[in-house]
Amino acid sequence: MFVEGNIPERAIVEVLFATGIRISELAKMKVSDINWDETCIRIPDGKGNKGRIVPFTHECAEHLKAYLDWRTDELPCVCKCYFDKAYPQTKGK
């Protein structure tokens, strides 16, 4: 499948839609939490500090892989880095 358009935003939306995870969980997710072979993501600290495993679709995997390939850094986070750049916190808040 060819991924086009805004790669980071499409990957974020696809992960949220396909897995049902919260934005805060996505922001904390690490690349090492993704199990590509079993198409699932480990969420270690979900609501109420309860961990869980969530499956994701083949289409979600395609967009997520395209995003990770598109990135130029080697940071362990999946999307928090993107959130920090796209929505920087203002000082004093």
PDB file of N, CA and C in Angstrom:
ATOM      1  N   MET A   1       0.840  -1.179   0.000  1.00  0.00           N
ATOM      2  CA  MET A   1       0.000   0.000   0.000  1.00  0.00           C
ATOM      3  C   MET A   1       0.888   1.245   0.000  1.00  0.00           C
ATOM      4  N   PHE A   2       0.584   2.183  -0.837  1.00  0.00           N
ATOM      5  CA  PHE A   2       1.330   3.421  -0.912  1.00  0.00           C
ATOM      6  C   PHE A   2       0.726   4.435   0.056  1.00  0.00           C
ATOM      7  N   VAL A   3       1.557   4.980   0.935  1.00  0.00           N
ATOM      8  CA  VAL A   3       1.107   5.963   1.909  1.00  0.00           C
ATOM      9  C   VAL A   3       1.454   7.341   1.375  1.00  0.00           C
ATOM     10  N   GLU A   4       0.455   8.185   1.254  1.00  0.00           N
ATOM     11  CA  GLU A   4       0.696   9.536   0.762  1.00  0.00           C
ATOM     12  C   GLU A   4       0.057  10.542   1.698  1.00  0.00           C
ATOM     13  N   GLY A   5       0.349  11.802   1.473  1.00  0.00           N
ATOM     14  CA  GLY A   5      -0.202  12.857   2.308  1.00  0.00           C
ATOM     15  C   GLY A   5       0.732  13.166   3.471  1.00  0.00           C
ATOM     16  N   ASN A   6       0.165  13.684   4.547  1.00  0.00           N
ATOM     17  CA  ASN A   6       0.936  14.022   5.734  1.00  0.00           C
ATOM     18  C   ASN A   6       1.200  12.738   6.517  1.00  0.00           C
ATOM     19  N   ILE A   7       2.376  12.191   6.368  1.00  0.00           N
ATOM     20  CA  ILE A   7       2.716  10.874   6.925  1.00  0.00           C
ATOM     21  C   ILE A   7       2.582  10.836   8.446  1.00  0.00           C
ATOM     22  N   PRO A   8       3.125  11.796   9.196  1.00  0.00           N
ATOM     23  CA  PRO A   8       2.987  11.716  10.656  1.00  0.00           C
ATOM     24  C   PRO A   8       1.539  11.783  11.123  1.00  0.00           C
ATOM     25  N   GLU A   9       0.783  12.721  10.587  1.00  0.00           N
ATOM     26  CA  GLU A   9      -0.597  12.872  11.028  1.00  0.00           C
ATOM     27  C   GLU A   9      -1.444  11.673  10.640  1.00  0.00           C
ATOM     28  N   ARG A  10      -1.223  11.117   9.463  1.00  0.00           N
ATOM     29  CA  ARG A  10      -1.981   9.939   9.041  1.00  0.00           C
ATOM     30  C   ARG A  10      -1.667   8.748   9.946  1.00  0.00           C
ATOM     31  N   ALA A  11      -0.402   8.585  10.317  1.00  0.00           N
ATOM     32  CA  ALA A  11      -0.016   7.484  11.200  1.00  0.00           C
ATOM     33  C   ALA A  11      -0.664   7.642  12.571  1.00  0.00           C
ATOM     34  N   ILE A  12      -0.657   8.849  13.096  1.00  0.00           N
ATOM     35  CA  ILE A  12      -1.256   9.114  14.408  1.00  0.00           C
ATOM     36  C   ILE A  12      -2.746   8.798  14.393  1.00  0.00           C
ATOM     37  N   VAL A  13      -3.441   9.306  13.402  1.00  0.00           N
ATOM     38  CA  VAL A  13      -4.884   9.056  13.302  1.00  0.00           C
ATOM     39  C   VAL A  13      -5.162   7.571  13.123  1.00  0.00           C
ATOM     40  N   GLU A  14      -4.388   6.910  12.300  1.00  0.00           N
ATOM     41  CA  GLU A  14      -4.590   5.478  12.050  1.00  0.00           C
ATOM     42  C   GLU A  14      -4.387   4.661  13.319  1.00  0.00           C
ATOM     43  N   VAL A  15      -3.339   4.958  14.083  1.00  0.00           N
ATOM     44  CA  VAL A  15      -3.093   4.228  15.329  1.00  0.00           C
ATOM     45  C   VAL A  15      -4.234   4.461  16.317  1.00  0.00           C
ATOM     46  N   LEU A  16      -4.643   5.711  16.473  1.00  0.00           N
ATOM     47  CA  LEU A  16      -5.739   6.010  17.397  1.00  0.00           C
ATOM     48  C   LEU A  16      -7.031   5.305  16.972  1.00  0.00           C
ATOM     49  N   PHE A  17      -7.335   5.335  15.694  1.00  0.00           N
ATOM     50  CA  PHE A  17      -8.562   4.727  15.176  1.00  0.00           C
ATOM     51  C   PHE A  17      -8.518   3.201  15.253  1.00  0.00           C
ATOM     52  N   ALA A  18      -7.404   2.612  14.842  1.00  0.00           N
ATOM     53  CA  ALA A  18      -7.319   1.152  14.762  1.00  0.00           C
ATOM     54  C   ALA A  18      -7.215   0.484  16.130  1.00  0.00           C
ATOM     55  N   THR A  19      -6.630   1.180  17.104  1.00  0.00           N
ATOM     56  CA  THR A  19      -6.397   0.551  18.405  1.00  0.00           C
ATOM     57  C   THR A  19      -7.334   1.020  19.506  1.00  0.00           C
ATOM     58  N   GLY A  20      -7.851   2.231  19.376  1.00  0.00           N
ATOM     59  CA  GLY A  20      -8.702   2.778  20.432  1.00  0.00           C
ATOM     60  C   GLY A  20      -7.922   3.285  21.636  1.00  0.00           C
ATOM     61  N   ILE A  21      -6.600   3.423  21.494  1.00  0.00           N
ATOM     62  CA  ILE A  21      -5.816   3.920  22.629  1.00  0.00           C
ATOM     63  C   ILE A  21      -6.038   5.416  22.799  1.00  0.00           C
ATOM     64  N   ARG A  22      -5.709   5.902  23.970  1.00  0.00           N
ATOM     65  CA  ARG A  22      -5.847   7.324  24.275  1.00  0.00           C
ATOM     66  C   ARG A  22      -4.637   8.092  23.727  1.00  0.00           C
ATOM     67  N   ILE A  23      -4.827   9.383  23.507  1.00  0.00           N
ATOM     68  CA  ILE A  23      -3.741  10.223  23.002  1.00  0.00           C
ATOM     69  C   ILE A  23      -2.570  10.205  23.975  1.00  0.00           C
ATOM     70  N   SER A  24      -2.856  10.242  25.262  1.00  0.00           N
ATOM     71  CA  SER A  24      -1.776  10.218  26.255  1.00  0.00           C
ATOM     72  C   SER A  24      -0.989   8.910  26.187  1.00  0.00           C
ATOM     73  N   GLU A  25      -1.666   7.801  25.878  1.00  0.00           N
ATOM     74  CA  GLU A  25      -0.981   6.518  25.736  1.00  0.00           C
ATOM     75  C   GLU A  25      -0.111   6.501  24.485  1.00  0.00           C
ATOM     76  N   LEU A  26      -0.609   7.094  23.420  1.00  0.00           N
ATOM     77  CA  LEU A  26       0.177   7.193  22.186  1.00  0.00           C
ATOM     78  C   LEU A  26       1.408   8.066  22.405  1.00  0.00           C
ATOM     79  N   ALA A  27       1.233   9.151  23.148  1.00  0.00           N
ATOM     80  CA  ALA A  27       2.349  10.063  23.405  1.00  0.00           C
ATOM     81  C   ALA A  27       3.459   9.381  24.200  1.00  0.00           C
ATOM     82  N   LYS A  28       3.108   8.397  25.043  1.00  0.00           N
ATOM     83  CA  LYS A  28       4.103   7.689  25.863  1.00  0.00           C
ATOM     84  C   LYS A  28       4.627   6.416  25.196  1.00  0.00           C
ATOM     85  N   MET A  29       4.029   6.014  24.091  1.00  0.00           N
ATOM     86  CA  MET A  29       4.374   4.745  23.457  1.00  0.00           C
ATOM     87  C   MET A  29       5.787   4.777  22.879  1.00  0.00           C
ATOM     88  N   LYS A  30       6.506   3.681  23.087  1.00  0.00           N
ATOM     89  CA  LYS A  30       7.858   3.539  22.557  1.00  0.00           C
ATOM     90  C   LYS A  30       7.841   2.555  21.391  1.00  0.00           C
ATOM     91  N   VAL A  31       8.810   2.672  20.525  1.00  0.00           N
ATOM     92  CA  VAL A  31       8.929   1.764  19.384  1.00  0.00           C
ATOM     93  C   VAL A  31       9.033   0.318  19.888  1.00  0.00           C
ATOM     94  N   SER A  32       9.702   0.125  21.020  1.00  0.00           N
ATOM     95  CA  SER A  32       9.867  -1.226  21.572  1.00  0.00           C
ATOM     96  C   SER A  32       8.552  -1.825  22.081  1.00  0.00           C
ATOM     97  N   ASP A  33       7.511  -1.005  22.233  1.00  0.00           N
ATOM     98  CA  ASP A  33       6.195  -1.500  22.659  1.00  0.00           C
ATOM     99  C   ASP A  33       5.430  -2.160  21.508  1.00  0.00           C
ATOM    100  N   ILE A  34       5.917  -1.995  20.286  1.00  0.00           N
ATOM    101  CA  ILE A  34       5.223  -2.527  19.105  1.00  0.00           C
ATOM    102  C   ILE A  34       5.736  -3.931  18.806  1.00  0.00           C
ATOM    103  N   ASN A  35       4.822  -4.868  18.702  1.00  0.00           N
ATOM    104  CA  ASN A  35       5.164  -6.235  18.311  1.00  0.00           C
ATOM    105  C   ASN A  35       4.664  -6.414  16.877  1.00  0.00           C
ATOM    106  N   TRP A  36       5.557  -6.286  15.923  1.00  0.00           N
ATOM    107  CA  TRP A  36       5.176  -6.329  14.500  1.00  0.00           C
ATOM    108  C   TRP A  36       4.706  -7.719  14.088  1.00  0.00           C
ATOM    109  N   ASP A  37       5.319  -8.763  14.651  1.00  0.00           N
ATOM    110  CA  ASP A  37       4.962 -10.134  14.266  1.00  0.00           C
ATOM    111  C   ASP A  37       3.530 -10.495  14.672  1.00  0.00           C
ATOM    112  N   GLU A  38       3.127 -10.030  15.843  1.00  0.00           N
ATOM    113  CA  GLU A  38       1.781 -10.355  16.331  1.00  0.00           C
ATOM    114  C   GLU A  38       0.806  -9.206  16.150  1.00  0.00           C
ATOM    115  N   THR A  39       1.224  -8.141  15.482  1.00  0.00           N
ATOM    116  CA  THR A  39       0.442  -6.916  15.244  1.00  0.00           C
ATOM    117  C   THR A  39      -0.317  -6.483  16.498  1.00  0.00           C
ATOM    118  N   CYS A  40       0.462  -6.224  17.538  1.00  0.00           N
ATOM    119  CA  CYS A  40      -0.137  -5.700  18.763  1.00  0.00           C
ATOM    120  C   CYS A  40       0.834  -4.717  19.413  1.00  0.00           C
ATOM    121  N   ILE A  41       0.280  -3.878  20.254  1.00  0.00           N
ATOM    122  CA  ILE A  41       1.050  -2.855  20.954  1.00  0.00           C
ATOM    123  C   ILE A  41       0.845  -3.047  22.447  1.00  0.00           C
ATOM    124  N   ARG A  42       1.932  -2.994  23.189  1.00  0.00           N
ATOM    125  CA  ARG A  42       1.868  -3.090  24.648  1.00  0.00           C
ATOM    126  C   ARG A  42       1.686  -1.683  25.201  1.00  0.00           C
ATOM    127  N   ILE A  43       0.637  -1.487  25.972  1.00  0.00           N
ATOM    128  CA  ILE A  43       0.383  -0.216  26.643  1.00  0.00           C
ATOM    129  C   ILE A  43       0.683  -0.465  28.122  1.00  0.00           C
ATOM    130  N   PRO A  44       1.872  -0.072  28.600  1.00  0.00           N
ATOM    131  CA  PRO A  44       2.253  -0.424  29.967  1.00  0.00           C
ATOM    132  C   PRO A  44       1.504   0.350  31.052  1.00  0.00           C
ATOM    133  N   ASP A  45       1.189   1.605  30.796  1.00  0.00           N
ATOM    134  CA  ASP A  45       0.551   2.448  31.813  1.00  0.00           C
ATOM    135  C   ASP A  45      -0.712   3.083  31.255  1.00  0.00           C
ATOM    136  N   GLY A  46      -1.755   2.312  31.178  1.00  0.00           N
ATOM    137  CA  GLY A  46      -3.029   2.829  30.677  1.00  0.00           C
ATOM    138  C   GLY A  46      -3.812   3.491  31.795  1.00  0.00           C
ATOM    139  N   LYS A  47      -5.106   3.640  31.583  1.00  0.00           N
ATOM    140  CA  LYS A  47      -5.986   4.253  32.563  1.00  0.00           C
ATOM    141  C   LYS A  47      -5.926   3.460  33.862  1.00  0.00           C
ATOM    142  N   GLY A  48      -5.756   4.145  34.964  1.00  0.00           N
ATOM    143  CA  GLY A  48      -5.641   3.482  36.253  1.00  0.00           C
ATOM    144  C   GLY A  48      -4.333   2.736  36.424  1.00  0.00           C
ATOM    145  N   ASN A  49      -3.322   3.119  35.654  1.00  0.00           N
ATOM    146  CA  ASN A  49      -2.003   2.466  35.663  1.00  0.00           C
ATOM    147  C   ASN A  49      -2.084   0.972  35.372  1.00  0.00           C
ATOM    148  N   LYS A  50      -3.072   0.587  34.587  1.00  0.00           N
ATOM    149  CA  LYS A  50      -3.220  -0.814  34.195  1.00  0.00           C
ATOM    150  C   LYS A  50      -2.653  -1.002  32.799  1.00  0.00           C
ATOM    151  N   GLY A  51      -1.810  -1.994  32.653  1.00  0.00           N
ATOM    152  CA  GLY A  51      -1.243  -2.294  31.352  1.00  0.00           C
ATOM    153  C   GLY A  51      -2.183  -3.178  30.548  1.00  0.00           C
ATOM    154  N   ARG A  52      -2.037  -3.135  29.232  1.00  0.00           N
ATOM    155  CA  ARG A  52      -2.840  -3.988  28.365  1.00  0.00           C
ATOM    156  C   ARG A  52      -2.154  -4.137  27.012  1.00  0.00           C
ATOM    157  N   ILE A  53      -2.635  -5.100  26.254  1.00  0.00           N
ATOM    158  CA  ILE A  53      -2.154  -5.342  24.899  1.00  0.00           C
ATOM    159  C   ILE A  53      -3.300  -5.019  23.947  1.00  0.00           C
ATOM    160  N   VAL A  54      -3.011  -4.225  22.911  1.00  0.00           N
ATOM    161  CA  VAL A  54      -4.044  -3.886  21.930  1.00  0.00           C
ATOM    162  C   VAL A  54      -3.591  -4.311  20.534  1.00  0.00           C
ATOM    163  N   PRO A  55      -4.479  -4.929  19.777  1.00  0.00           N
ATOM    164  CA  PRO A  55      -4.123  -5.323  18.406  1.00  0.00           C
ATOM    165  C   PRO A  55      -4.228  -4.126  17.468  1.00  0.00           C
ATOM    166  N   PHE A  56      -3.547  -4.210  16.322  1.00  0.00           N
ATOM    167  CA  PHE A  56      -3.711  -3.194  15.290  1.00  0.00           C
ATOM    168  C   PHE A  56      -3.825  -3.873  13.929  1.00  0.00           C
ATOM    169  N   THR A  57      -4.362  -3.139  12.976  1.00  0.00           N
ATOM    170  CA  THR A  57      -4.650  -3.687  11.658  1.00  0.00           C
ATOM    171  C   THR A  57      -3.423  -3.635  10.742  1.00  0.00           C
ATOM    172  N   HIS A  58      -3.526  -4.349   9.636  1.00  0.00           N
ATOM    173  CA  HIS A  58      -2.461  -4.328   8.626  1.00  0.00           C
ATOM    174  C   HIS A  58      -2.300  -2.910   8.069  1.00  0.00           C
ATOM    175  N   GLU A  59      -3.410  -2.236   7.834  1.00  0.00           N
ATOM    176  CA  GLU A  59      -3.354  -0.864   7.321  1.00  0.00           C
ATOM    177  C   GLU A  59      -2.671   0.065   8.327  1.00  0.00           C
ATOM    178  N   CYS A  60      -2.964  -0.113   9.592  1.00  0.00           N
ATOM    179  CA  CYS A  60      -2.309   0.679  10.641  1.00  0.00           C
ATOM    180  C   CYS A  60      -0.808   0.420  10.619  1.00  0.00           C
ATOM    181  N   ALA A  61      -0.419  -0.840  10.469  1.00  0.00           N
ATOM    182  CA  ALA A  61       1.004  -1.195  10.413  1.00  0.00           C
ATOM    183  C   ALA A  61       1.685  -0.495   9.250  1.00  0.00           C
ATOM    184  N   GLU A  62       1.026  -0.454   8.096  1.00  0.00           N
ATOM    185  CA  GLU A  62       1.606   0.207   6.917  1.00  0.00           C
ATOM    186  C   GLU A  62       1.876   1.689   7.192  1.00  0.00           C
ATOM    187  N   HIS A  63       0.905   2.360   7.784  1.00  0.00           N
ATOM    188  CA  HIS A  63       1.067   3.794   8.063  1.00  0.00           C
ATOM    189  C   HIS A  63       2.096   4.035   9.163  1.00  0.00           C
ATOM    190  N   LEU A  64       2.095   3.186  10.170  1.00  0.00           N
ATOM    191  CA  LEU A  64       3.052   3.333  11.255  1.00  0.00           C
ATOM    192  C   LEU A  64       4.480   3.079  10.770  1.00  0.00           C
ATOM    193  N   LYS A  65       4.662   2.058   9.945  1.00  0.00           N
ATOM    194  CA  LYS A  65       5.996   1.780   9.386  1.00  0.00           C
ATOM    195  C   LYS A  65       6.457   2.925   8.479  1.00  0.00           C
ATOM    196  N   ALA A  66       5.539   3.460   7.676  1.00  0.00           N
ATOM    197  CA  ALA A  66       5.886   4.585   6.798  1.00  0.00           C
ATOM    198  C   ALA A  66       6.334   5.785   7.624  1.00  0.00           C
ATOM    199  N   TYR A  67       5.655   6.034   8.730  1.00  0.00           N
ATOM    200  CA  TYR A  67       6.018   7.146   9.602  1.00  0.00           C
ATOM    201  C   TYR A  67       7.382   6.918  10.236  1.00  0.00           C
ATOM    202  N   LEU A  68       7.611   5.720  10.758  1.00  0.00           N
ATOM    203  CA  LEU A  68       8.894   5.434  11.404  1.00  0.00           C
ATOM    204  C   LEU A  68      10.043   5.477  10.403  1.00  0.00           C
ATOM    205  N   ASP A  69       9.800   5.051   9.159  1.00  0.00           N
ATOM    206  CA  ASP A  69      10.815   5.143   8.106  1.00  0.00           C
ATOM    207  C   ASP A  69      11.064   6.594   7.700  1.00  0.00           C
ATOM    208  N   TRP A  70      10.027   7.416   7.733  1.00  0.00           N
ATOM    209  CA  TRP A  70      10.091   8.826   7.356  1.00  0.00           C
ATOM    210  C   TRP A  70      10.916   9.634   8.360  1.00  0.00           C
ATOM    211  N   ARG A  71      10.849   9.248   9.637  1.00  0.00           N
ATOM    212  CA  ARG A  71      11.564   9.984  10.679  1.00  0.00           C
ATOM    213  C   ARG A  71      13.072   9.919  10.467  1.00  0.00           C
ATOM    214  N   THR A  72      13.757  10.950  10.893  1.00  0.00           N
ATOM    215  CA  THR A  72      15.211  11.005  10.734  1.00  0.00           C
ATOM    216  C   THR A  72      15.945  10.819  12.058  1.00  0.00           C
ATOM    217  N   ASP A  73      15.203  10.648  13.149  1.00  0.00           N
ATOM    218  CA  ASP A  73      15.843  10.490  14.455  1.00  0.00           C
ATOM    219  C   ASP A  73      15.815   9.028  14.894  1.00  0.00           C
ATOM    220  N   GLU A  74      16.504   8.745  15.959  1.00  0.00           N
ATOM    221  CA  GLU A  74      16.540   7.398  16.529  1.00  0.00           C
ATOM    222  C   GLU A  74      15.947   7.387  17.931  1.00  0.00           C
ATOM    223  N   LEU A  75      15.069   8.331  18.217  1.00  0.00           N
ATOM    224  CA  LEU A  75      14.476   8.426  19.549  1.00  0.00           C
ATOM    225  C   LEU A  75      13.562   7.229  19.807  1.00  0.00           C
ATOM    226  N   PRO A  76      13.460   6.795  21.068  1.00  0.00           N
ATOM    227  CA  PRO A  76      12.662   5.607  21.376  1.00  0.00           C
ATOM    228  C   PRO A  76      11.148   5.832  21.332  1.00  0.00           C
ATOM    229  N   CYS A  77      10.716   7.083  21.427  1.00  0.00           N
ATOM    230  CA  CYS A  77       9.280   7.340  21.433  1.00  0.00           C
ATOM    231  C   CYS A  77       8.699   7.203  20.020  1.00  0.00           C
ATOM    232  N   VAL A  78       7.412   6.898  19.964  1.00  0.00           N
ATOM    233  CA  VAL A  78       6.763   6.776  18.659  1.00  0.00           C
ATOM    234  C   VAL A  78       6.272   8.139  18.205  1.00  0.00           C
ATOM    235  N   CYS A  79       5.466   8.797  19.014  1.00  0.00           N
ATOM    236  CA  CYS A  79       4.845  10.039  18.560  1.00  0.00           C
ATOM    237  C   CYS A  79       5.036  11.244  19.472  1.00  0.00           C
ATOM    238  N   LYS A  80       5.466  11.059  20.708  1.00  0.00           N
ATOM    239  CA  LYS A  80       5.607  12.198  21.608  1.00  0.00           C
ATOM    240  C   LYS A  80       6.520  13.255  21.004  1.00  0.00           C
ATOM    241  N   CYS A  81       7.557  12.815  20.322  1.00  0.00           N
ATOM    242  CA  CYS A  81       8.492  13.745  19.685  1.00  0.00           C
ATOM    243  C   CYS A  81       7.742  14.626  18.684  1.00  0.00           C
ATOM    244  N   TYR A  82       6.827  14.009  17.945  1.00  0.00           N
ATOM    245  CA  TYR A  82       6.038  14.759  16.971  1.00  0.00           C
ATOM    246  C   TYR A  82       5.105  15.725  17.677  1.00  0.00           C
ATOM    247  N   PHE A  83       4.440  15.257  18.755  1.00  0.00           N
ATOM    248  CA  PHE A  83       3.540  16.130  19.498  1.00  0.00           C
ATOM    249  C   PHE A  83       4.296  17.323  20.057  1.00  0.00           C
ATOM    250  N   ASP A  84       5.499  17.086  20.581  1.00  0.00           N
ATOM    251  CA  ASP A  84       6.281  18.175  21.159  1.00  0.00           C
ATOM    252  C   ASP A  84       6.636  19.235  20.120  1.00  0.00           C
ATOM    253  N   LYS A  85       6.938  18.814  18.890  1.00  0.00           N
ATOM    254  CA  LYS A  85       7.288  19.761  17.833  1.00  0.00           C
ATOM    255  C   LYS A  85       6.055  20.459  17.265  1.00  0.00           C
ATOM    256  N   ALA A  86       4.973  19.702  17.098  1.00  0.00           N
ATOM    257  CA  ALA A  86       3.771  20.266  16.482  1.00  0.00           C
ATOM    258  C   ALA A  86       2.995  21.159  17.424  1.00  0.00           C
ATOM    259  N   TYR A  87       3.024  20.843  18.734  1.00  0.00           N
ATOM    260  CA  TYR A  87       2.257  21.593  19.703  1.00  0.00           C
ATOM    261  C   TYR A  87       3.138  21.945  20.907  1.00  0.00           C
ATOM    262  N   PRO A  88       4.111  22.837  20.699  1.00  0.00           N
ATOM    263  CA  PRO A  88       5.016  23.179  21.810  1.00  0.00           C
ATOM    264  C   PRO A  88       4.257  23.878  22.934  1.00  0.00           C
ATOM    265  N   GLN A  89       4.649  23.579  24.144  1.00  0.00           N
ATOM    266  CA  GLN A  89       4.025  24.200  25.316  1.00  0.00           C
ATOM    267  C   GLN A  89       4.556  25.626  25.431  1.00  0.00           C
ATOM    268  N   THR A  90       3.686  26.531  25.814  1.00  0.00           N
ATOM    269  CA  THR A  90       4.135  27.899  26.012  1.00  0.00           C
ATOM    270  C   THR A  90       4.639  28.038  27.437  1.00  0.00           C
ATOM    271  N   LYS A  91       5.607  28.906  27.651  1.00  0.00           N
ATOM    272  CA  LYS A  91       6.164  29.096  28.990  1.00  0.00           C
ATOM    273  C   LYS A  91       5.118  29.730  29.883  1.00  0.00           C
ATOM    274  N   GLY A  92       5.176  29.364  31.153  1.00  0.00           N
ATOM    275  CA  GLY A  92       4.260  29.945  32.118  1.00  0.00           C
ATOM    276  C   GLY A  92       2.967  29.189  32.274  1.00  0.00           C
ATOM    277  N   LYS A  93       2.782  28.110  31.519  1.00  0.00           N
ATOM    278  CA  LYS A  93       1.539  27.324  31.658  1.00  0.00           C
ATOM    279  C   LYS A  93       1.814  26.044  32.357  1.00  0.00           C
TER     280      LYS A  93
END
